N, C-alpha and C. Protein backbone atom coordinates (compact mmCIF):
# COMPACT_ATOMS: atom_id res chain seq x y z
N MET A 1 -28.42 15.10 -4.52
CA MET A 1 -27.52 14.54 -4.72
C MET A 1 -27.76 12.74 -4.79
N LYS A 2 -28.61 12.32 -3.70
CA LYS A 2 -29.52 11.07 -3.68
C LYS A 2 -29.64 10.33 -5.28
N LYS A 3 -30.19 11.55 -5.77
CA LYS A 3 -30.77 10.90 -7.81
C LYS A 3 -29.49 10.67 -8.05
N LEU A 4 -28.57 11.50 -7.76
CA LEU A 4 -27.41 11.31 -8.88
C LEU A 4 -26.36 10.25 -8.11
N GLN A 5 -26.42 10.06 -7.01
CA GLN A 5 -25.50 8.61 -6.20
C GLN A 5 -26.10 7.60 -7.05
N ASP A 6 -27.81 7.14 -6.85
CA ASP A 6 -28.33 6.30 -7.30
C ASP A 6 -28.73 5.87 -8.85
N ARG A 7 -28.29 7.14 -9.78
CA ARG A 7 -28.05 7.08 -10.92
C ARG A 7 -26.44 6.61 -11.26
N LEU A 8 -25.85 6.66 -10.39
CA LEU A 8 -24.03 6.60 -10.44
C LEU A 8 -24.15 4.97 -10.05
N GLU A 9 -24.63 4.39 -9.48
CA GLU A 9 -24.74 3.06 -8.81
C GLU A 9 -25.42 2.04 -9.67
N LYS A 10 -26.56 2.80 -10.30
CA LYS A 10 -26.87 1.98 -11.36
C LYS A 10 -25.85 1.62 -12.72
N LYS A 11 -25.08 3.03 -12.96
CA LYS A 11 -24.48 3.01 -14.02
C LYS A 11 -23.02 2.02 -14.06
N LYS A 12 -23.07 1.85 -13.04
CA LYS A 12 -21.92 1.18 -12.59
C LYS A 12 -22.02 -0.23 -12.47
N GLN A 13 -23.15 -0.74 -11.84
CA GLN A 13 -23.84 -2.39 -12.03
C GLN A 13 -23.93 -2.28 -13.80
N GLU A 14 -24.42 -1.31 -14.42
CA GLU A 14 -24.38 -1.70 -16.01
C GLU A 14 -22.89 -2.41 -16.26
N THR A 15 -21.97 -1.47 -15.93
CA THR A 15 -20.64 -1.60 -16.47
C THR A 15 -20.53 -3.21 -16.31
N GLU A 16 -20.54 -3.35 -14.72
CA GLU A 16 -20.22 -5.24 -14.34
C GLU A 16 -21.23 -5.60 -15.24
N ARG A 17 -22.33 -5.65 -15.62
CA ARG A 17 -22.94 -6.76 -16.23
C ARG A 17 -22.81 -6.52 -17.53
N CYS A 18 -21.81 -5.94 -18.45
CA CYS A 18 -21.46 -5.38 -19.71
C CYS A 18 -20.21 -6.34 -19.60
N LYS A 19 -19.35 -6.04 -18.91
CA LYS A 19 -18.07 -7.07 -18.59
C LYS A 19 -18.27 -8.41 -18.53
N GLU A 20 -19.47 -8.65 -17.41
CA GLU A 20 -19.74 -9.97 -17.38
C GLU A 20 -20.27 -10.63 -18.88
N LEU A 21 -21.34 -10.15 -19.34
CA LEU A 21 -21.44 -10.61 -20.44
C LEU A 21 -20.77 -11.12 -21.60
N ARG A 22 -19.53 -10.00 -21.91
CA ARG A 22 -18.41 -10.33 -22.36
C ARG A 22 -17.61 -11.75 -22.34
N MET A 23 -17.28 -11.51 -20.89
CA MET A 23 -16.87 -12.81 -20.72
C MET A 23 -17.68 -13.91 -20.83
N MET A 24 -18.92 -14.05 -20.52
CA MET A 24 -19.63 -15.20 -21.21
C MET A 24 -19.98 -15.29 -22.63
N LEU A 25 -19.86 -14.57 -23.35
CA LEU A 25 -19.65 -14.51 -24.37
C LEU A 25 -18.45 -15.25 -25.30
N TYR A 26 -17.41 -14.86 -24.69
CA TYR A 26 -16.22 -15.22 -25.06
C TYR A 26 -16.51 -17.28 -24.92
N SER A 27 -16.61 -17.60 -23.70
CA SER A 27 -16.57 -18.82 -23.16
C SER A 27 -17.90 -19.41 -24.10
N ASP A 28 -19.06 -18.88 -24.38
CA ASP A 28 -20.16 -19.30 -25.30
C ASP A 28 -19.50 -19.87 -26.48
N MET A 29 -18.53 -18.73 -27.51
CA MET A 29 -18.28 -18.84 -28.15
C MET A 29 -17.32 -20.31 -28.52
N LYS A 30 -16.45 -20.33 -27.74
CA LYS A 30 -15.15 -21.38 -27.21
C LYS A 30 -16.06 -22.78 -27.25
N GLU A 31 -17.36 -22.47 -26.87
CA GLU A 31 -18.28 -23.98 -26.51
C GLU A 31 -18.83 -24.01 -27.65
N GLY A 32 -18.97 -23.19 -28.72
CA GLY A 32 -19.75 -23.29 -30.20
C GLY A 32 -21.19 -23.01 -29.98
N ILE A 33 -21.41 -22.73 -28.80
CA ILE A 33 -22.52 -22.00 -28.78
C ILE A 33 -23.19 -20.70 -29.85
N VAL A 34 -22.26 -19.64 -29.64
CA VAL A 34 -22.47 -18.34 -30.37
C VAL A 34 -21.01 -18.75 -31.51
N SER A 35 -21.65 -18.12 -32.65
CA SER A 35 -20.53 -18.73 -33.66
C SER A 35 -19.85 -17.39 -33.65
N LYS A 36 -18.75 -17.22 -34.51
CA LYS A 36 -17.61 -16.30 -34.30
C LYS A 36 -18.08 -15.14 -35.19
N GLU A 37 -18.85 -15.12 -36.03
CA GLU A 37 -19.60 -13.85 -36.29
C GLU A 37 -20.84 -13.32 -35.41
N ASP A 38 -21.32 -14.02 -34.44
CA ASP A 38 -22.18 -13.46 -33.72
C ASP A 38 -21.19 -12.89 -32.44
N TYR A 39 -20.46 -13.72 -32.12
CA TYR A 39 -19.52 -13.08 -31.10
C TYR A 39 -18.95 -11.52 -31.52
N VAL A 40 -18.26 -11.41 -32.83
CA VAL A 40 -17.75 -10.34 -33.16
C VAL A 40 -18.92 -9.01 -33.02
N GLU A 41 -20.12 -9.48 -33.31
CA GLU A 41 -21.28 -8.29 -33.87
C GLU A 41 -21.73 -8.03 -31.88
N LEU A 42 -21.60 -9.11 -31.33
CA LEU A 42 -22.49 -8.72 -29.84
C LEU A 42 -21.24 -8.35 -28.73
N HIS A 43 -19.96 -8.52 -29.21
CA HIS A 43 -18.51 -8.09 -28.49
C HIS A 43 -18.86 -6.57 -28.50
N ALA A 44 -19.03 -6.19 -30.01
CA ALA A 44 -18.81 -5.08 -30.44
C ALA A 44 -20.24 -4.30 -29.50
N ALA A 45 -21.23 -4.79 -29.69
CA ALA A 45 -22.55 -4.34 -29.13
C ALA A 45 -22.08 -3.88 -27.37
N TYR A 46 -21.59 -4.79 -26.88
CA TYR A 46 -21.35 -4.72 -25.46
C TYR A 46 -20.19 -3.92 -25.24
N GLY A 47 -19.48 -3.73 -25.92
CA GLY A 47 -18.63 -2.98 -26.18
C GLY A 47 -18.73 -1.17 -25.92
N LYS A 48 -19.56 -1.25 -26.99
CA LYS A 48 -20.02 0.07 -27.24
C LYS A 48 -21.39 0.48 -25.91
N ARG A 49 -21.97 -0.58 -25.42
CA ARG A 49 -23.07 -0.04 -24.31
C ARG A 49 -22.21 0.04 -22.81
N LEU A 50 -20.66 -0.90 -23.10
CA LEU A 50 -19.78 -0.47 -21.91
C LEU A 50 -19.16 0.87 -21.94
N ARG A 51 -19.17 1.44 -23.14
CA ARG A 51 -18.15 2.82 -23.37
C ARG A 51 -18.89 3.62 -22.86
N ASN A 52 -20.62 3.72 -23.35
CA ASN A 52 -21.44 4.69 -22.62
C ASN A 52 -21.67 4.57 -21.77
N ALA A 53 -21.83 3.38 -21.13
CA ALA A 53 -21.97 3.71 -19.31
C ALA A 53 -21.23 4.43 -18.52
N GLU A 54 -19.74 3.93 -19.10
CA GLU A 54 -18.35 5.02 -18.43
C GLU A 54 -18.87 5.94 -18.66
N GLU A 55 -19.05 6.45 -20.21
CA GLU A 55 -19.21 7.71 -20.34
C GLU A 55 -20.07 8.58 -19.46
N SER A 56 -21.22 7.76 -18.94
CA SER A 56 -22.28 8.29 -18.22
C SER A 56 -21.64 8.26 -16.92
N ILE A 57 -20.87 7.34 -16.36
CA ILE A 57 -20.44 7.78 -15.02
C ILE A 57 -19.87 8.73 -15.32
N ARG A 58 -18.58 8.82 -15.74
CA ARG A 58 -18.00 10.46 -15.83
C ARG A 58 -18.55 11.73 -16.02
N ALA A 59 -19.47 11.52 -16.57
CA ALA A 59 -20.81 12.77 -16.66
C ALA A 59 -21.51 13.01 -15.35
N ILE A 60 -22.15 12.02 -14.64
CA ILE A 60 -22.34 11.72 -13.62
C ILE A 60 -21.60 12.26 -12.03
N GLN A 61 -20.47 11.84 -12.05
CA GLN A 61 -19.31 12.23 -11.30
C GLN A 61 -19.09 13.65 -11.65
N LYS A 62 -18.91 14.33 -12.55
CA LYS A 62 -18.71 15.55 -12.87
C LYS A 62 -20.15 16.44 -12.59
N GLU A 63 -21.31 16.21 -12.70
CA GLU A 63 -22.39 16.70 -12.29
C GLU A 63 -22.21 16.43 -10.55
N MET A 64 -22.02 15.61 -9.94
CA MET A 64 -22.05 15.59 -8.28
C MET A 64 -20.93 16.44 -8.35
N ASP A 65 -19.90 16.70 -8.97
CA ASP A 65 -18.45 17.40 -7.92
C ASP A 65 -19.25 18.78 -8.66
N SER A 66 -19.89 19.13 -9.42
CA SER A 66 -20.49 20.89 -9.37
C SER A 66 -21.46 20.75 -8.57
N GLU A 67 -22.60 19.74 -7.99
CA GLU A 67 -23.33 19.84 -7.13
C GLU A 67 -22.93 20.22 -5.80
N LEU A 68 -21.32 19.21 -5.25
CA LEU A 68 -20.63 19.89 -4.24
C LEU A 68 -20.31 21.10 -4.11
N GLU A 69 -19.70 21.54 -5.32
CA GLU A 69 -19.00 22.75 -5.54
C GLU A 69 -19.96 24.03 -5.13
N LYS A 70 -21.16 23.60 -5.52
CA LYS A 70 -22.32 24.70 -5.68
C LYS A 70 -22.70 24.77 -3.68
N ALA A 71 -22.70 23.64 -3.19
CA ALA A 71 -23.03 23.59 -1.99
C ALA A 71 -21.99 24.09 -1.11
N ASP A 72 -20.72 23.91 -1.70
CA ASP A 72 -19.49 24.65 -0.67
C ASP A 72 -19.50 26.31 -0.97
N ASN A 73 -19.81 26.90 -2.27
CA ASN A 73 -20.17 28.16 -2.29
C ASN A 73 -20.98 28.51 -1.43
N ALA A 74 -21.98 27.81 -1.67
CA ALA A 74 -23.46 28.25 -0.88
C ALA A 74 -23.15 28.89 0.32
N ASN A 75 -22.21 27.80 1.06
CA ASN A 75 -21.94 28.19 2.50
C ASN A 75 -21.12 29.05 2.78
N THR A 76 -19.91 29.63 1.93
CA THR A 76 -19.15 30.30 2.33
C THR A 76 -19.29 31.80 2.71
N TRP A 77 -20.67 32.32 2.11
CA TRP A 77 -21.13 33.57 2.25
C TRP A 77 -21.42 33.53 3.76
N LEU A 78 -22.27 32.31 4.52
CA LEU A 78 -22.52 32.09 5.52
C LEU A 78 -21.00 32.53 6.48
N ASP A 79 -20.06 31.92 5.95
CA ASP A 79 -18.74 31.64 6.73
C ASP A 79 -18.58 33.16 7.06
N TYR A 80 -18.20 34.19 6.24
CA TYR A 80 -18.35 35.49 6.43
C TYR A 80 -19.01 36.10 7.49
N PHE A 81 -20.57 35.98 7.26
CA PHE A 81 -21.19 36.76 8.30
C PHE A 81 -21.13 36.24 9.15
N VAL A 82 -20.78 34.89 9.74
CA VAL A 82 -20.46 34.49 11.24
C VAL A 82 -19.33 35.10 11.52
N LYS A 83 -17.75 34.99 10.79
CA LYS A 83 -16.86 35.83 11.09
C LYS A 83 -17.10 36.97 11.34
N TYR A 84 -17.98 37.63 11.17
CA TYR A 84 -18.31 39.31 11.59
C TYR A 84 -19.52 39.69 12.54
N GLN A 85 -20.01 38.45 12.57
CA GLN A 85 -21.41 38.93 13.18
C GLN A 85 -21.52 39.69 14.68
N ASP A 86 -20.16 39.89 15.38
CA ASP A 86 -20.18 40.79 16.46
C ASP A 86 -19.10 41.99 16.32
N ILE A 87 -18.94 42.49 15.23
CA ILE A 87 -18.16 43.53 14.91
C ILE A 87 -18.72 44.59 15.41
N GLU A 88 -17.92 45.72 15.96
CA GLU A 88 -18.58 46.83 16.68
C GLU A 88 -18.03 48.04 15.89
N GLU A 89 -17.27 48.06 14.57
CA GLU A 89 -16.55 49.02 13.77
C GLU A 89 -16.44 48.61 12.68
N LEU A 90 -16.67 49.11 11.35
CA LEU A 90 -16.28 49.08 10.47
C LEU A 90 -15.20 49.12 9.65
N SER A 91 -14.59 47.89 9.40
CA SER A 91 -13.05 48.11 8.61
C SER A 91 -12.88 47.78 7.62
N ARG A 92 -11.83 48.12 6.74
CA ARG A 92 -11.82 48.00 5.35
C ARG A 92 -11.86 46.40 4.96
N THR A 93 -11.29 45.69 5.74
CA THR A 93 -11.01 44.14 5.54
C THR A 93 -12.65 43.89 5.80
N VAL A 94 -13.52 44.40 6.57
CA VAL A 94 -14.92 44.03 6.62
C VAL A 94 -15.94 44.31 5.43
N VAL A 95 -15.11 45.31 4.81
CA VAL A 95 -16.05 46.36 3.64
C VAL A 95 -15.84 45.42 2.52
N VAL A 96 -14.33 44.95 2.32
CA VAL A 96 -14.33 44.14 1.05
C VAL A 96 -14.70 42.87 0.85
N GLU A 97 -14.79 42.14 2.05
CA GLU A 97 -15.43 40.83 2.17
C GLU A 97 -16.98 40.61 2.24
N LEU A 98 -17.48 41.68 2.39
CA LEU A 98 -18.62 42.12 2.48
C LEU A 98 -19.56 42.57 1.81
N ILE A 99 -18.92 43.71 1.18
CA ILE A 99 -20.02 44.93 0.39
C ILE A 99 -19.29 44.68 -0.80
N ARG A 100 -20.19 44.61 -1.78
CA ARG A 100 -20.06 44.68 -3.28
C ARG A 100 -20.26 46.22 -4.01
N LYS A 101 -21.09 46.72 -3.57
CA LYS A 101 -20.82 48.58 -3.57
C LYS A 101 -21.56 49.43 -2.87
N ILE A 102 -20.99 50.94 -2.58
CA ILE A 102 -21.58 51.59 -2.28
C ILE A 102 -22.19 52.61 -2.51
N ARG A 103 -23.29 53.10 -2.91
CA ARG A 103 -23.66 54.47 -3.58
C ARG A 103 -24.26 55.71 -2.19
N VAL A 104 -23.46 56.82 -2.56
CA VAL A 104 -24.02 57.51 -1.53
C VAL A 104 -24.63 58.82 -2.60
N TYR A 105 -26.23 59.02 -2.02
CA TYR A 105 -26.86 59.75 -2.67
C TYR A 105 -26.85 61.33 -2.32
N ASP A 106 -27.11 61.08 -1.09
CA ASP A 106 -26.50 62.77 -0.23
C ASP A 106 -26.17 62.37 1.02
N LYS A 107 -26.38 63.09 1.91
CA LYS A 107 -25.82 62.99 3.35
C LYS A 107 -26.74 62.23 4.23
N LYS A 108 -28.15 61.73 3.61
CA LYS A 108 -28.87 60.90 4.32
C LYS A 108 -29.58 59.77 3.77
N ASN A 109 -28.80 59.55 2.28
CA ASN A 109 -29.08 58.62 1.61
C ASN A 109 -28.12 57.86 0.97
N ILE A 110 -28.08 56.60 1.85
CA ILE A 110 -27.19 55.41 0.85
C ILE A 110 -27.41 54.49 0.46
N GLU A 111 -26.88 53.50 -0.36
CA GLU A 111 -27.32 52.27 -0.46
C GLU A 111 -26.45 51.05 -0.59
N ILE A 112 -26.18 50.32 0.21
CA ILE A 112 -25.17 49.53 0.26
C ILE A 112 -25.66 48.04 -0.46
N THR A 113 -24.71 47.64 -1.22
CA THR A 113 -25.43 46.07 -2.07
C THR A 113 -24.32 45.53 -1.32
N PHE A 114 -24.68 44.33 -0.64
CA PHE A 114 -23.69 42.99 0.09
C PHE A 114 -23.44 42.13 -1.51
N ASP A 115 -22.27 41.52 -0.79
CA ASP A 115 -21.75 40.72 -1.70
C ASP A 115 -22.12 39.34 -2.39
N PHE A 116 -23.60 38.79 -1.02
CA PHE A 116 -23.48 37.92 -0.94
C PHE A 116 -25.20 38.23 -0.78
N ASP A 117 -25.91 39.22 -1.13
CA ASP A 117 -27.30 39.50 -1.42
C ASP A 117 -28.36 38.63 -1.86
N ASP A 118 -27.59 38.23 -2.78
CA ASP A 118 -28.37 36.93 -3.68
C ASP A 118 -28.72 35.38 -3.18
N CYS A 119 -27.18 35.36 -2.59
CA CYS A 119 -27.25 33.80 -1.61
C CYS A 119 -28.44 34.01 -0.27
N TYR A 120 -28.02 35.40 0.37
CA TYR A 120 -29.10 35.49 1.06
C TYR A 120 -30.39 35.50 0.81
N GLN A 121 -30.87 36.12 -0.44
CA GLN A 121 -32.54 36.29 -0.70
C GLN A 121 -32.68 34.83 -1.52
N THR A 122 -32.20 33.92 -1.93
CA THR A 122 -32.33 32.54 -2.13
C THR A 122 -33.00 31.79 -0.82
N LEU A 123 -32.16 31.87 0.24
CA LEU A 123 -32.45 31.39 1.55
C LEU A 123 -33.41 31.90 2.07
N LEU A 124 -33.57 33.00 2.11
CA LEU A 124 -35.22 33.74 2.90
C LEU A 124 -35.97 33.06 1.73
N ASN A 125 -36.19 32.49 0.55
CA ASN A 125 -37.26 32.25 -0.48
C ASN A 125 -37.26 30.89 -0.01
N GLN A 126 -36.28 29.99 0.39
CA GLN A 126 -36.28 28.45 0.47
C GLN A 126 -36.67 28.16 2.02
N LEU A 127 -36.61 29.18 3.06
CA LEU A 127 -37.15 28.89 4.01
C LEU A 127 -38.46 28.30 4.74
N PRO A 128 -39.29 29.03 4.07
CA PRO A 128 -41.12 28.57 4.31
C PRO A 128 -40.88 27.06 3.78
N ALA A 129 -40.21 26.77 2.76
CA ALA A 129 -40.50 24.87 2.20
C ALA A 129 -40.03 24.40 3.13
N MET A 130 -39.30 24.87 3.85
CA MET A 130 -38.34 24.17 5.35
C MET A 130 -38.93 24.37 6.50
N GLY A 131 -40.15 24.67 6.37
CA GLY A 131 -40.94 24.93 7.62
C GLY A 131 -40.61 25.84 8.63
N VAL A 132 -40.31 26.95 8.09
CA VAL A 132 -39.28 28.21 8.92
C VAL A 132 -40.15 29.65 8.15
N ASP A 133 -40.82 30.39 9.27
CA ASP A 133 -41.11 31.49 8.74
C ASP A 133 -40.18 32.74 9.26
N THR A 134 -40.39 33.84 8.29
CA THR A 134 -39.68 34.89 8.79
C THR A 134 -40.21 36.07 8.67
N VAL A 135 -39.97 36.72 9.76
CA VAL A 135 -40.85 38.29 9.90
C VAL A 135 -39.70 39.16 10.23
N VAL A 136 -39.99 40.53 9.52
CA VAL A 136 -39.02 41.89 9.68
C VAL A 136 -39.67 42.59 10.86
N ASP A 137 -39.30 42.85 12.00
CA ASP A 137 -39.77 43.57 13.12
C ASP A 137 -39.73 44.94 12.89
N ASP A 138 -40.32 45.91 13.67
CA ASP A 138 -40.49 47.09 13.66
C ASP A 138 -39.13 47.86 13.44
N ASP A 139 -37.96 47.07 13.82
CA ASP A 139 -36.47 47.63 14.05
C ASP A 139 -35.83 47.22 13.08
N ASN A 140 -36.62 46.86 11.94
CA ASN A 140 -36.17 46.09 10.55
C ASN A 140 -34.99 44.91 10.89
N ASN A 141 -35.06 44.01 12.18
CA ASN A 141 -34.37 43.01 12.52
C ASN A 141 -35.36 41.98 11.83
N LEU A 142 -34.70 40.61 11.41
CA LEU A 142 -35.33 39.34 10.72
C LEU A 142 -35.54 38.71 12.30
N GLN A 143 -36.84 38.32 12.05
CA GLN A 143 -37.05 36.86 13.04
C GLN A 143 -37.39 35.76 12.47
N VAL A 144 -37.08 34.78 12.94
CA VAL A 144 -36.64 33.39 12.53
C VAL A 144 -37.72 32.80 13.47
N LYS A 145 -38.59 32.03 12.94
CA LYS A 145 -39.59 31.14 13.71
C LYS A 145 -39.78 29.54 12.83
N VAL A 146 -39.47 28.96 13.80
CA VAL A 146 -39.56 27.41 13.22
C VAL A 146 -41.25 27.06 13.34
N LYS A 147 -42.09 26.58 12.28
CA LYS A 147 -42.97 26.37 12.76
C LYS A 147 -43.19 25.17 13.36
N GLU A 148 -44.39 24.64 14.09
CA GLU A 148 -44.52 23.30 14.96
C GLU A 148 -44.79 22.51 13.87
N VAL A 149 -44.55 21.22 14.01
CA VAL A 149 -45.42 20.00 13.10
C VAL A 149 -46.26 18.95 14.19
N VAL A 150 -47.24 19.12 13.40
CA VAL A 150 -48.35 18.34 14.36
C VAL A 150 -48.78 17.07 13.92
């Protein structure tokens, strides 16, 4: 997000610079420093540069909005799990909000696919890069340990 903000700031500065150059160009033409033909040509070039910068600003803002939406969606699944972390019995509401499908093979074998399994896996894959170790214990519980920074 920081890179996008930096790019956005540079493009905003570029639009301001183009506007300044166009104003200075007009003054230069009035003072006879720049010919009318050069003025028309340079004015068009600065105008094109300004439009391109403004278009880039819109694209960057759209990309930033998309990134923010992704971040919001990425955390939505956590909200559901936090909401139901202490449930003692399964209700229809919990099933609808947390489970994508349930396959029953026989009395002792079932497969549950959670709605946010992909988000959970993505988070687990990102944890080592954040300095966090994960281990599944004998009871199949996930143990999370933060690495010491020396």
